[in-house]
């Protein structure tokens, strides 16, 4: 979703973006080590999910302005190998997140709200992951979603890999909340999502680890790893989030060893970092530099410098907003 703040970040990133996001040593990575989205149709990648049926394939989608589509991308080449059209749903407004639950069911979250709470309800679409990678049309199930405490903007939707329960994290500059959906979504009437825990981040996406024990939440400039703890999430540490033009996607790799981060923009790079609990390739302790919203930067030195620049710009913007409010 486009925000004036993200535009400012893009301006501040002009200098930093000259450093390739693929690897600190400048060499191209393959597969789960990172890749570039080469399909010109994917210009606003807003969510990312590792395929359960096709190792090395990642599903992504655009946000507003596209159609009822998801794209299967081969991480070894960056090329799209399948475009799936969703049938049986209305016209998507603002698809912001994608997640895969038990029984290889794909969930697409049409949960964005550019007006910060205008829509009285949003939607979730569910479809089976295709067994064959090809362009095809698949019938999807549509669910109506409402929040217990009123409409809100959100860009993060996750499905627990063991229970199949769906969760949403709303997007607020000063931190949001984790919302829990019903044990089973229903097509009759609205599904009420209730806040169950605070999230200390301006969240743009989230992902469960394959075993369901950890929840990774990313923002534009950093991220947090939480112990799931049955939904009573407990902060464990920072994520090594790379600097990106407009970072709005995150997914664990199928084996859980990597976290992959995607960004909006044509020919955008999907950057892989070690998942929490695994040693980083850039530092013995596996710790990145601290970001302004509690997350780590990429391991490369140039990124750390860029993160400082962006952090300064973000702080200035937040300070200006607070000053205007007080005035």
C-alpha atoms as a PDB file:
ATOM      1  CA  UNK A   1       0.000   0.000   0.000  1.00  0.00           C
ATOM      2  CA  UNK A   2       1.397   3.383  -0.917  1.00  0.00           C
ATOM      3  CA  UNK A   3       1.960   5.916   1.850  1.00  0.00           C
ATOM      4  CA  UNK A   4       3.588   9.327   1.897  1.00  0.00           C
ATOM      5  CA  UNK A   5       5.984   7.918   4.467  1.00  0.00           C
ATOM      6  CA  UNK A   6       7.023   5.152   2.100  1.00  0.00           C
ATOM      7  CA  UNK A   7       7.669   7.758  -0.582  1.00  0.00           C
ATOM      8  CA  UNK A   8       9.954   9.633   1.797  1.00  0.00           C
ATOM      9  CA  UNK A   9      11.749   6.396   2.542  1.00  0.00           C
ATOM     10  CA  UNK A  10      12.238   5.833  -1.183  1.00  0.00           C
ATOM     11  CA  UNK A  11      13.869   9.238  -1.525  1.00  0.00           C
ATOM     12  CA  UNK A  12      16.177   8.552   1.396  1.00  0.00           C
ATOM     13  CA  UNK A  13      17.099   5.179  -0.078  1.00  0.00           C
ATOM     14  CA  UNK A  14      18.472   6.579  -3.331  1.00  0.00           C
ATOM     15  CA  UNK A  15      22.031   6.392  -2.076  1.00  0.00           C
ATOM     16  CA  UNK A  16      21.628   3.112  -0.239  1.00  0.00           C
ATOM     17  CA  UNK A  17      19.837   1.337  -3.093  1.00  0.00           C
ATOM     18  CA  UNK A  18      22.985   1.394  -5.190  1.00  0.00           C
ATOM     19  CA  UNK A  19      24.167  -1.592  -3.145  1.00  0.00           C
ATOM     20  CA  UNK A  20      22.695  -4.884  -4.470  1.00  0.00           C
ATOM     21  CA  UNK A  21      20.331  -6.597  -2.037  1.00  0.00           C
ATOM     22  CA  UNK A  22      21.184 -10.076  -3.250  1.00  0.00           C
ATOM     23  CA  UNK A  23      24.407 -10.715  -1.350  1.00  0.00           C
ATOM     24  CA  UNK A  24      27.160  -8.932   0.547  1.00  0.00           C
ATOM     25  CA  UNK A  25      29.790 -10.374  -1.783  1.00  0.00           C
ATOM     26  CA  UNK A  26      27.934  -9.166  -4.892  1.00  0.00           C
ATOM     27  CA  UNK A  27      27.299 -12.629  -6.277  1.00  0.00           C
ATOM     28  CA  UNK A  28      23.857 -13.750  -7.410  1.00  0.00           C
ATOM     29  CA  UNK A  29      21.966 -16.049  -5.110  1.00  0.00           C
ATOM     30  CA  UNK A  30      19.684 -18.853  -6.254  1.00  0.00           C
ATOM     31  CA  UNK A  31      16.614 -20.595  -4.894  1.00  0.00           C
ATOM     32  CA  UNK A  32      15.926 -19.989  -1.229  1.00  0.00           C
ATOM     33  CA  UNK A  33      19.025 -17.787  -1.103  1.00  0.00           C
ATOM     34  CA  UNK A  34      17.156 -14.913  -2.777  1.00  0.00           C
ATOM     35  CA  UNK A  35      16.045 -13.964  -6.291  1.00  0.00           C
ATOM     36  CA  UNK A  36      14.667 -11.166  -8.467  1.00  0.00           C
ATOM     37  CA  UNK A  37      11.023 -10.938  -9.550  1.00  0.00           C
ATOM     38  CA  UNK A  38      11.433 -10.693 -13.329  1.00  0.00           C
ATOM     39  CA  UNK A  39       7.779 -10.697 -14.402  1.00  0.00           C
ATOM     40  CA  UNK A  40       6.796  -7.137 -15.424  1.00  0.00           C
ATOM     41  CA  UNK A  41       3.233  -7.925 -14.317  1.00  0.00           C
ATOM     42  CA  UNK A  42       4.471  -8.152 -10.719  1.00  0.00           C
ATOM     43  CA  UNK A  43       5.107  -4.484 -10.002  1.00  0.00           C
ATOM     44  CA  UNK A  44       3.616  -4.225  -6.494  1.00  0.00           C
ATOM     45  CA  UNK A  45       4.468  -7.480  -4.728  1.00  0.00           C
ATOM     46  CA  UNK A  46       2.720  -7.159  -1.371  1.00  0.00           C
ATOM     47  CA  UNK A  47       2.883 -10.668   0.035  1.00  0.00           C
ATOM     48  CA  UNK A  48       5.029 -13.799  -0.174  1.00  0.00           C
ATOM     49  CA  UNK A  49       4.502 -17.473   0.704  1.00  0.00           C
ATOM     50  CA  UNK A  50       6.654 -20.537   0.096  1.00  0.00           C
ATOM     51  CA  UNK A  51       4.854 -23.279  -1.828  1.00  0.00           C
ATOM     52  CA  UNK A  52       4.125 -26.471   0.095  1.00  0.00           C
ATOM     53  CA  UNK A  53       3.775 -28.651  -3.002  1.00  0.00           C
ATOM     54  CA  UNK A  54       6.555 -27.251  -5.173  1.00  0.00           C
ATOM     55  CA  UNK A  55       9.872 -26.683  -3.345  1.00  0.00           C
ATOM     56  CA  UNK A  56      11.578 -23.511  -4.531  1.00  0.00           C
ATOM     57  CA  UNK A  57       8.353 -21.897  -5.755  1.00  0.00           C
ATOM     58  CA  UNK A  58       7.030 -18.767  -4.035  1.00  0.00           C
ATOM     59  CA  UNK A  59       3.525 -17.353  -4.401  1.00  0.00           C
ATOM     60  CA  UNK A  60       3.056 -13.609  -4.565  1.00  0.00           C
ATOM     61  CA  UNK A  61       0.498 -11.045  -5.739  1.00  0.00           C
ATOM     62  CA  UNK A  62       0.064  -7.360  -6.450  1.00  0.00           C
ATOM     63  CA  UNK A  63      -2.018  -5.130  -4.213  1.00  0.00           C
ATOM     64  CA  UNK A  64      -4.627  -2.735  -5.616  1.00  0.00           C
ATOM     65  CA  UNK A  65      -4.928  -2.164  -9.359  1.00  0.00           C
ATOM     66  CA  UNK A  66      -4.357  -5.726 -10.554  1.00  0.00           C
ATOM     67  CA  UNK A  67      -6.972  -8.466 -10.730  1.00  0.00           C
ATOM     68  CA  UNK A  68      -7.877 -11.701  -8.916  1.00  0.00           C
ATOM     69  CA  UNK A  69      -4.447 -13.212  -9.550  1.00  0.00           C
ATOM     70  CA  UNK A  70      -1.627 -14.902  -7.697  1.00  0.00           C
ATOM     71  CA  UNK A  71       1.738 -15.686  -9.282  1.00  0.00           C
ATOM     72  CA  UNK A  72       3.960 -18.706  -8.762  1.00  0.00           C
ATOM     73  CA  UNK A  73       7.609 -17.704  -9.123  1.00  0.00           C
ATOM     74  CA  UNK A  74      10.556 -20.070  -9.484  1.00  0.00           C
ATOM     75  CA  UNK A  75      13.145 -18.829  -7.007  1.00  0.00           C
ATOM     76  CA  UNK A  76      15.977 -20.353  -9.035  1.00  0.00           C
ATOM     77  CA  UNK A  77      15.272 -18.114 -12.018  1.00  0.00           C
ATOM     78  CA  UNK A  78      12.928 -15.385 -10.784  1.00  0.00           C
ATOM     79  CA  UNK A  79      10.530 -16.233 -13.604  1.00  0.00           C
ATOM     80  CA  UNK A  80       6.790 -16.737 -13.219  1.00  0.00           C
ATOM     81  CA  UNK A  81       5.802 -20.353 -13.877  1.00  0.00           C
ATOM     82  CA  UNK A  82       2.075 -20.018 -13.096  1.00  0.00           C
ATOM     83  CA  UNK A  83      -0.553 -17.294 -12.913  1.00  0.00           C
ATOM     84  CA  UNK A  84      -3.682 -18.456 -11.123  1.00  0.00           C
ATOM     85  CA  UNK A  85      -6.931 -16.575 -11.607  1.00  0.00           C
ATOM     86  CA  UNK A  86      -9.399 -16.731  -8.711  1.00  0.00           C
ATOM     87  CA  UNK A  87     -12.954 -17.479  -9.777  1.00  0.00           C
ATOM     88  CA  UNK A  88     -16.124 -17.127  -7.690  1.00  0.00           C
ATOM     89  CA  UNK A  89     -15.139 -13.976  -5.788  1.00  0.00           C
ATOM     90  CA  UNK A  90     -15.857 -10.276  -6.213  1.00  0.00           C
ATOM     91  CA  UNK A  91     -13.366  -7.719  -7.497  1.00  0.00           C
ATOM     92  CA  UNK A  92     -10.442  -7.471  -5.043  1.00  0.00           C
ATOM     93  CA  UNK A  93      -9.935  -4.020  -3.522  1.00  0.00           C
ATOM     94  CA  UNK A  94      -6.479  -4.243  -1.959  1.00  0.00           C
ATOM     95  CA  UNK A  95      -4.805  -7.656  -1.642  1.00  0.00           C
ATOM     96  CA  UNK A  96      -2.045  -7.280   0.925  1.00  0.00           C
ATOM     97  CA  UNK A  97      -1.040 -10.711   2.226  1.00  0.00           C
ATOM     98  CA  UNK A  98      -0.815 -14.382   1.331  1.00  0.00           C
ATOM     99  CA  UNK A  99      -0.310 -17.437   3.541  1.00  0.00           C
ATOM    100  CA  UNK A 100      -0.564 -21.212   3.183  1.00  0.00           C
ATOM    101  CA  UNK A 101      -2.256 -23.289   5.869  1.00  0.00           C
ATOM    102  CA  UNK A 102      -2.845 -26.980   6.498  1.00  0.00           C
ATOM    103  CA  UNK A 103      -3.948 -29.201   3.612  1.00  0.00           C
ATOM    104  CA  UNK A 104      -2.088 -26.902   1.200  1.00  0.00           C
ATOM    105  CA  UNK A 105      -4.789 -24.243   1.281  1.00  0.00           C
ATOM    106  CA  UNK A 106      -3.755 -20.760   0.092  1.00  0.00           C
ATOM    107  CA  UNK A 107      -5.286 -17.771   1.871  1.00  0.00           C
ATOM    108  CA  UNK A 108      -5.225 -14.361   0.192  1.00  0.00           C
ATOM    109  CA  UNK A 109      -5.988 -11.356   2.371  1.00  0.00           C
ATOM    110  CA  UNK A 110      -7.935  -8.540   0.692  1.00  0.00           C
ATOM    111  CA  UNK A 111      -7.451  -6.558   3.905  1.00  0.00           C
ATOM    112  CA  UNK A 112      -5.826  -3.270   2.883  1.00  0.00           C
ATOM    113  CA  UNK A 113      -7.591   0.013   3.554  1.00  0.00           C
ATOM    114  CA  UNK A 114      -5.954   3.069   2.020  1.00  0.00           C
ATOM    115  CA  UNK A 115      -8.237   5.288   4.090  1.00  0.00           C
ATOM    116  CA  UNK A 116      -7.286   3.770   7.431  1.00  0.00           C
ATOM    117  CA  UNK A 117     -10.716   2.461   8.387  1.00  0.00           C
ATOM    118  CA  UNK A 118     -13.206   3.318   5.653  1.00  0.00           C
ATOM    119  CA  UNK A 119     -14.287  -0.199   4.726  1.00  0.00           C
ATOM    120  CA  UNK A 120     -16.863  -1.706   7.130  1.00  0.00           C
ATOM    121  CA  UNK A 121     -15.622  -5.177   6.143  1.00  0.00           C
ATOM    122  CA  UNK A 122     -12.788  -6.809   4.220  1.00  0.00           C
ATOM    123  CA  UNK A 123     -12.336 -10.241   2.628  1.00  0.00           C
ATOM    124  CA  UNK A 124     -10.231 -13.362   2.755  1.00  0.00           C
ATOM    125  CA  UNK A 125     -10.079 -15.732  -0.223  1.00  0.00           C
ATOM    126  CA  UNK A 126      -9.136 -19.406   0.092  1.00  0.00           C
ATOM    127  CA  UNK A 127      -8.127 -21.782  -2.702  1.00  0.00           C
ATOM    128  CA  UNK A 128      -6.244 -25.084  -2.951  1.00  0.00           C
ATOM    129  CA  UNK A 129      -2.633 -24.813  -4.015  1.00  0.00           C
ATOM    130  CA  UNK A 130      -2.440 -26.059  -7.626  1.00  0.00           C
ATOM    131  CA  UNK A 131      -0.826 -29.461  -8.010  1.00  0.00           C
ATOM    132  CA  UNK A 132       0.465 -28.532 -11.452  1.00  0.00           C
ATOM    133  CA  UNK A 133       2.253 -25.265 -12.176  1.00  0.00           C
ATOM    134  CA  UNK A 134       0.502 -23.645 -15.131  1.00  0.00           C
ATOM    135  CA  UNK A 135      -1.751 -20.710 -15.951  1.00  0.00           C
ATOM    136  CA  UNK A 136      -5.252 -21.699 -14.856  1.00  0.00           C
ATOM    137  CA  UNK A 137      -8.479 -20.533 -13.227  1.00  0.00           C
ATOM    138  CA  UNK A 138      -9.351 -21.929  -9.793  1.00  0.00           C
ATOM    139  CA  UNK A 139     -12.582 -21.586  -7.816  1.00  0.00           C
ATOM    140  CA  UNK A 140     -11.972 -19.798  -4.509  1.00  0.00           C
ATOM    141  CA  UNK A 141     -14.023 -19.433  -1.337  1.00  0.00           C
ATOM    142  CA  UNK A 142     -14.696 -15.893  -0.116  1.00  0.00           C
ATOM    143  CA  UNK A 143     -15.048 -14.931   3.565  1.00  0.00           C
ATOM    144  CA  UNK A 144     -16.290 -11.627   4.974  1.00  0.00           C
ATOM    145  CA  UNK A 145     -14.176 -10.239   7.815  1.00  0.00           C
ATOM    146  CA  UNK A 146     -14.993  -7.616  10.429  1.00  0.00           C
ATOM    147  CA  UNK A 147     -12.960  -6.458  13.421  1.00  0.00           C
ATOM    148  CA  UNK A 148     -14.449  -6.465  16.901  1.00  0.00           C
ATOM    149  CA  UNK A 149     -13.307  -2.890  17.549  1.00  0.00           C
ATOM    150  CA  UNK A 150     -14.104  -1.359  14.171  1.00  0.00           C
ATOM    151  CA  UNK A 151     -12.561  -1.032  10.687  1.00  0.00           C
ATOM    152  CA  UNK A 152      -8.823  -0.662  10.274  1.00  0.00           C
ATOM    153  CA  UNK A 153      -5.985  -0.925   7.807  1.00  0.00           C
ATOM    154  CA  UNK A 154      -3.971  -4.158   7.703  1.00  0.00           C
ATOM    155  CA  UNK A 155      -1.305  -5.754   5.535  1.00  0.00           C
ATOM    156  CA  UNK A 156      -0.428  -8.910   7.491  1.00  0.00           C
ATOM    157  CA  UNK A 157      -2.366 -12.179   7.411  1.00  0.00           C
ATOM    158  CA  UNK A 158      -1.048 -15.526   8.659  1.00  0.00           C
ATOM    159  CA  UNK A 159      -2.524 -19.004   8.940  1.00  0.00           C
ATOM    160  CA  UNK A 160      -1.226 -21.253  11.696  1.00  0.00           C
ATOM    161  CA  UNK A 161       0.361 -24.308  10.028  1.00  0.00           C
ATOM    162  CA  UNK A 162      -1.008 -26.739  12.637  1.00  0.00           C
ATOM    163  CA  UNK A 163      -4.441 -25.405  13.643  1.00  0.00           C
ATOM    164  CA  UNK A 164      -5.412 -23.618  10.423  1.00  0.00           C
ATOM    165  CA  UNK A 165      -6.629 -20.618  12.399  1.00  0.00           C
ATOM    166  CA  UNK A 166      -6.310 -17.270  10.621  1.00  0.00           C
ATOM    167  CA  UNK A 167      -4.760 -14.164  12.197  1.00  0.00           C
ATOM    168  CA  UNK A 168      -4.430 -10.555  11.027  1.00  0.00           C
ATOM    169  CA  UNK A 169      -2.129  -7.790  12.300  1.00  0.00           C
ATOM    170  CA  UNK A 170      -3.342  -4.249  11.755  1.00  0.00           C
ATOM    171  CA  UNK A 171      -0.997  -1.547  10.504  1.00  0.00           C
ATOM    172  CA  UNK A 172      -0.390   1.406  12.811  1.00  0.00           C
ATOM    173  CA  UNK A 173       2.646   3.666  13.041  1.00  0.00           C
ATOM    174  CA  UNK A 174       2.832   3.348  16.826  1.00  0.00           C
ATOM    175  CA  UNK A 175       2.240  -0.422  16.831  1.00  0.00           C
ATOM    176  CA  UNK A 176      -0.803  -2.576  16.210  1.00  0.00           C
ATOM    177  CA  UNK A 177      -2.471  -5.725  17.451  1.00  0.00           C
ATOM    178  CA  UNK A 178      -2.682  -9.379  16.567  1.00  0.00           C
ATOM    179  CA  UNK A 179      -6.282 -10.263  15.714  1.00  0.00           C
ATOM    180  CA  UNK A 180      -7.577 -13.821  16.008  1.00  0.00           C
ATOM    181  CA  UNK A 181     -10.290 -15.135  13.725  1.00  0.00           C
ATOM    182  CA  UNK A 182     -12.860 -17.832  14.511  1.00  0.00           C
ATOM    183  CA  UNK A 183     -11.614 -21.404  14.877  1.00  0.00           C
ATOM    184  CA  UNK A 184     -13.201 -22.085  11.495  1.00  0.00           C
ATOM    185  CA  UNK A 185     -14.061 -19.422   8.952  1.00  0.00           C
ATOM    186  CA  UNK A 186     -17.669 -19.344   7.779  1.00  0.00           C
ATOM    187  CA  UNK A 187     -19.174 -18.261   4.477  1.00  0.00           C
ATOM    188  CA  UNK A 188     -22.470 -17.349   6.175  1.00  0.00           C
ATOM    189  CA  UNK A 189     -22.244 -13.933   7.792  1.00  0.00           C
ATOM    190  CA  UNK A 190     -19.199 -11.993   8.932  1.00  0.00           C
ATOM    191  CA  UNK A 191     -16.201 -13.562  10.648  1.00  0.00           C
ATOM    192  CA  UNK A 192     -15.298 -11.422  13.671  1.00  0.00           C
ATOM    193  CA  UNK A 193     -11.599 -10.984  14.389  1.00  0.00           C
ATOM    194  CA  UNK A 194     -10.711 -10.036  17.985  1.00  0.00           C
ATOM    195  CA  UNK A 195      -7.482  -8.429  19.290  1.00  0.00           C
ATOM    196  CA  UNK A 196      -5.502 -10.800  21.514  1.00  0.00           C
ATOM    197  CA  UNK A 197      -2.008  -9.281  21.756  1.00  0.00           C
ATOM    198  CA  UNK A 198      -0.070  -6.083  21.095  1.00  0.00           C
ATOM    199  CA  UNK A 199       2.505  -5.990  18.283  1.00  0.00           C
ATOM    200  CA  UNK A 200       5.312  -3.456  18.703  1.00  0.00           C
ATOM    201  CA  UNK A 201       5.721  -2.650  15.037  1.00  0.00           C
ATOM    202  CA  UNK A 202       4.294  -0.761  12.080  1.00  0.00           C
ATOM    203  CA  UNK A 203       3.616  -4.120  10.453  1.00  0.00           C
ATOM    204  CA  UNK A 204       3.606  -4.680   6.692  1.00  0.00           C
ATOM    205  CA  UNK A 205       3.624  -8.512   6.698  1.00  0.00           C
ATOM    206  CA  UNK A 206       4.118 -11.559   8.894  1.00  0.00           C
ATOM    207  CA  UNK A 207       4.846 -15.280   8.621  1.00  0.00           C
ATOM    208  CA  UNK A 208       4.692 -18.396  10.786  1.00  0.00           C
ATOM    209  CA  UNK A 209       7.652 -20.741  10.986  1.00  0.00           C
ATOM    210  CA  UNK A 210       6.810 -24.158   9.453  1.00  0.00           C
ATOM    211  CA  UNK A 211       6.449 -25.715  12.925  1.00  0.00           C
ATOM    212  CA  UNK A 212       4.174 -22.879  14.081  1.00  0.00           C
ATOM    213  CA  UNK A 213       6.352 -22.012  17.058  1.00  0.00           C
ATOM    214  CA  UNK A 214       7.566 -18.616  15.883  1.00  0.00           C
ATOM    215  CA  UNK A 215       5.905 -15.600  14.322  1.00  0.00           C
ATOM    216  CA  UNK A 216       8.023 -13.217  12.238  1.00  0.00           C
ATOM    217  CA  UNK A 217       6.617  -9.695  11.796  1.00  0.00           C
ATOM    218  CA  UNK A 218       8.265  -7.202   9.448  1.00  0.00           C
ATOM    219  CA  UNK A 219       7.942  -3.479   8.890  1.00  0.00           C
ATOM    220  CA  UNK A 220       9.542  -1.073   6.446  1.00  0.00           C
ATOM    221  CA  UNK A 221      12.749  -0.726   8.473  1.00  0.00           C
ATOM    222  CA  UNK A 222      12.952  -3.747  10.750  1.00  0.00           C
ATOM    223  CA  UNK A 223      11.169  -6.679  12.275  1.00  0.00           C
ATOM    224  CA  UNK A 224      10.503  -8.713  15.398  1.00  0.00           C
ATOM    225  CA  UNK A 225      10.578 -12.430  16.088  1.00  0.00           C
ATOM    226  CA  UNK A 226       7.932 -13.626  18.543  1.00  0.00           C
ATOM    227  CA  UNK A 227       7.534 -16.960  20.290  1.00  0.00           C
ATOM    228  CA  UNK A 228       4.000 -18.013  19.381  1.00  0.00           C
ATOM    229  CA  UNK A 229       3.209 -19.423  22.825  1.00  0.00           C
ATOM    230  CA  UNK A 230      -0.340 -20.416  21.878  1.00  0.00           C
ATOM    231  CA  UNK A 231      -1.159 -16.893  20.724  1.00  0.00           C
ATOM    232  CA  UNK A 232       0.209 -15.221  23.856  1.00  0.00           C
ATOM    233  CA  UNK A 233       3.110 -13.966  21.810  1.00  0.00           C
ATOM    234  CA  UNK A 234       6.413 -13.216  23.524  1.00  0.00           C
ATOM    235  CA  UNK A 235       9.068 -11.055  21.917  1.00  0.00           C
ATOM    236  CA  UNK A 236      12.293 -12.995  21.321  1.00  0.00           C
ATOM    237  CA  UNK A 237      14.476 -10.647  19.321  1.00  0.00           C
ATOM    238  CA  UNK A 238      15.057  -8.572  16.221  1.00  0.00           C
ATOM    239  CA  UNK A 239      14.865  -9.763  12.646  1.00  0.00           C
ATOM    240  CA  UNK A 240      17.661  -9.059  10.191  1.00  0.00           C
ATOM    241  CA  UNK A 241      15.426  -7.155   7.766  1.00  0.00           C
ATOM    242  CA  UNK A 242      17.155  -5.736   4.666  1.00  0.00           C
ATOM    243  CA  UNK A 243      16.623  -2.207   3.446  1.00  0.00           C
ATOM    244  CA  UNK A 244      14.177  -2.295   0.553  1.00  0.00           C
ATOM    245  CA  UNK A 245      12.343   0.244  -1.557  1.00  0.00           C
ATOM    246  CA  UNK A 246       8.979  -0.588   0.033  1.00  0.00           C
ATOM    247  CA  UNK A 247       9.237  -3.849   1.938  1.00  0.00           C
ATOM    248  CA  UNK A 248       5.820  -5.496   2.226  1.00  0.00           C
ATOM    249  CA  UNK A 249       6.364  -9.254   2.104  1.00  0.00           C
ATOM    250  CA  UNK A 250       7.985 -11.958   4.238  1.00  0.00           C
ATOM    251  CA  UNK A 251       7.977 -15.750   4.181  1.00  0.00           C
ATOM    252  CA  UNK A 252       9.868 -18.566   5.796  1.00  0.00           C
ATOM    253  CA  UNK A 253      11.523 -20.937   3.354  1.00  0.00           C
ATOM    254  CA  UNK A 254       9.893 -24.354   3.188  1.00  0.00           C
ATOM    255  CA  UNK A 255      12.541 -25.885   5.481  1.00  0.00           C
ATOM    256  CA  UNK A 256      12.370 -22.978   7.947  1.00  0.00           C
ATOM    257  CA  UNK A 257      16.040 -22.056   7.705  1.00  0.00           C
ATOM    258  CA  UNK A 258      15.564 -18.743   5.898  1.00  0.00           C
ATOM    259  CA  UNK A 259      13.326 -15.718   5.959  1.00  0.00           C
ATOM    260  CA  UNK A 260      12.738 -14.165   2.544  1.00  0.00           C
ATOM    261  CA  UNK A 261      11.756 -10.504   2.240  1.00  0.00           C
ATOM    262  CA  UNK A 262      10.032  -9.002  -0.801  1.00  0.00           C
ATOM    263  CA  UNK A 263       9.343  -5.441  -1.871  1.00  0.00           C
ATOM    264  CA  UNK A 264       7.093  -3.516  -4.189  1.00  0.00           C
ATOM    265  CA  UNK A 265       8.571  -2.192  -7.417  1.00  0.00           C
ATOM    266  CA  UNK A 266       9.398  -3.553 -10.855  1.00  0.00           C
ATOM    267  CA  UNK A 267      12.289  -6.040 -10.925  1.00  0.00           C
ATOM    268  CA  UNK A 268      12.390  -6.011  -7.128  1.00  0.00           C
ATOM    269  CA  UNK A 269      14.694  -8.349  -5.260  1.00  0.00           C
ATOM    270  CA  UNK A 270      13.596 -10.948  -2.754  1.00  0.00           C
ATOM    271  CA  UNK A 271      16.301 -11.033  -0.102  1.00  0.00           C
ATOM    272  CA  UNK A 272      17.066 -14.078   2.050  1.00  0.00           C
ATOM    273  CA  UNK A 273      18.355 -13.860   5.607  1.00  0.00           C
ATOM    274  CA  UNK A 274      18.961 -16.546   8.212  1.00  0.00           C
ATOM    275  CA  UNK A 275      15.861 -17.350  10.231  1.00  0.00           C
ATOM    276  CA  UNK A 276      15.913 -16.588  13.973  1.00  0.00           C
ATOM    277  CA  UNK A 277      18.014 -19.027  15.954  1.00  0.00           C
ATOM    278  CA  UNK A 278      20.415 -19.679  13.079  1.00  0.00           C
ATOM    279  CA  UNK A 279      23.858 -18.034  12.808  1.00  0.00           C
ATOM    280  CA  UNK A 280      24.043 -15.180  10.321  1.00  0.00           C
ATOM    281  CA  UNK A 281      26.383 -15.394   7.360  1.00  0.00           C
ATOM    282  CA  UNK A 282      27.589 -11.881   8.187  1.00  0.00           C
ATOM    283  CA  UNK A 283      28.201 -12.110  11.902  1.00  0.00           C
ATOM    284  CA  UNK A 284      29.056 -14.858  14.409  1.00  0.00           C
ATOM    285  CA  UNK A 285      26.206 -13.831  16.693  1.00  0.00           C
ATOM    286  CA  UNK A 286      23.733 -13.481  13.849  1.00  0.00           C
ATOM    287  CA  UNK A 287      22.690  -9.977  14.898  1.00  0.00           C
ATOM    288  CA  UNK A 288      22.039  -7.133  12.477  1.00  0.00           C
ATOM    289  CA  UNK A 289      22.071  -3.426  13.214  1.00  0.00           C
ATOM    290  CA  UNK A 290      19.096  -2.065  15.093  1.00  0.00           C
ATOM    291  CA  UNK A 291      16.341  -0.392  13.085  1.00  0.00           C
ATOM    292  CA  UNK A 292      14.021   2.365  14.293  1.00  0.00           C
ATOM    293  CA  UNK A 293      11.086   0.025  14.766  1.00  0.00           C
ATOM    294  CA  UNK A 294      12.998  -2.635  16.628  1.00  0.00           C
ATOM    295  CA  UNK A 295      14.412  -4.659  13.742  1.00  0.00           C
ATOM    296  CA  UNK A 296      17.829  -5.403  12.391  1.00  0.00           C
ATOM    297  CA  UNK A 297      19.309  -4.160   9.142  1.00  0.00           C
ATOM    298  CA  UNK A 298      20.956  -6.286   6.511  1.00  0.00           C
ATOM    299  CA  UNK A 299      24.354  -7.680   7.348  1.00  0.00           C
ATOM    300  CA  UNK A 300      26.196  -5.585   4.744  1.00  0.00           C
ATOM    301  CA  UNK A 301      27.960  -2.446   5.967  1.00  0.00           C
ATOM    302  CA  UNK A 302      26.460  -0.263   3.230  1.00  0.00           C
ATOM    303  CA  UNK A 303      23.001  -1.283   4.337  1.00  0.00           C
ATOM    304  CA  UNK A 304      23.776  -0.347   7.909  1.00  0.00           C
ATOM    305  CA  UNK A 305      24.788   3.135   6.778  1.00  0.00           C
ATOM    306  CA  UNK A 306      21.617   3.350   4.727  1.00  0.00           C
ATOM    307  CA  UNK A 307      19.552   2.232   7.698  1.00  0.00           C
ATOM    308  CA  UNK A 308      20.938   5.092   9.773  1.00  0.00           C
ATOM    309  CA  UNK A 309      19.950   7.562   7.049  1.00  0.00           C
ATOM    310  CA  UNK A 310      16.433   6.156   6.817  1.00  0.00           C
ATOM    311  CA  UNK A 311      16.107   6.033  10.594  1.00  0.00           C
ATOM    312  CA  UNK A 312      17.046   9.702  10.813  1.00  0.00           C
ATOM    313  CA  UNK A 313      14.491  10.578   8.156  1.00  0.00           C
ATOM    314  CA  UNK A 314      11.820   8.525   9.885  1.00  0.00           C
ATOM    315  CA  UNK A 315      12.546  10.153  13.225  1.00  0.00           C
ATOM    316  CA  UNK A 316      12.337  13.580  11.633  1.00  0.00           C
ATOM    317  CA  UNK A 317       9.005  12.766  10.029  1.00  0.00           C
ATOM    318  CA  UNK A 318       7.546  11.346  13.230  1.00  0.00           C
ATOM    319  CA  UNK A 319       8.792  14.374  15.154  1.00  0.00           C
ATOM    320  CA  UNK A 320       7.204  16.746  12.649  1.00  0.00           C
ATOM    321  CA  UNK A 321       3.886  14.913  12.889  1.00  0.00           C
ATOM    322  CA  UNK A 322       3.908  15.061  16.681  1.00  0.00           C
ATOM    323  CA  UNK A 323       4.788  18.769  16.583  1.00  0.00           C
ATOM    324  CA  UNK A 324       1.859  19.457  14.245  1.00  0.00           C
ATOM    325  CA  UNK A 325      -0.497  17.524  16.489  1.00  0.00           C
ATOM    326  CA  UNK A 326       0.602  19.486  19.551  1.00  0.00           C
ATOM    327  CA  UNK A 327       0.227  22.746  17.656  1.00  0.00           C
END
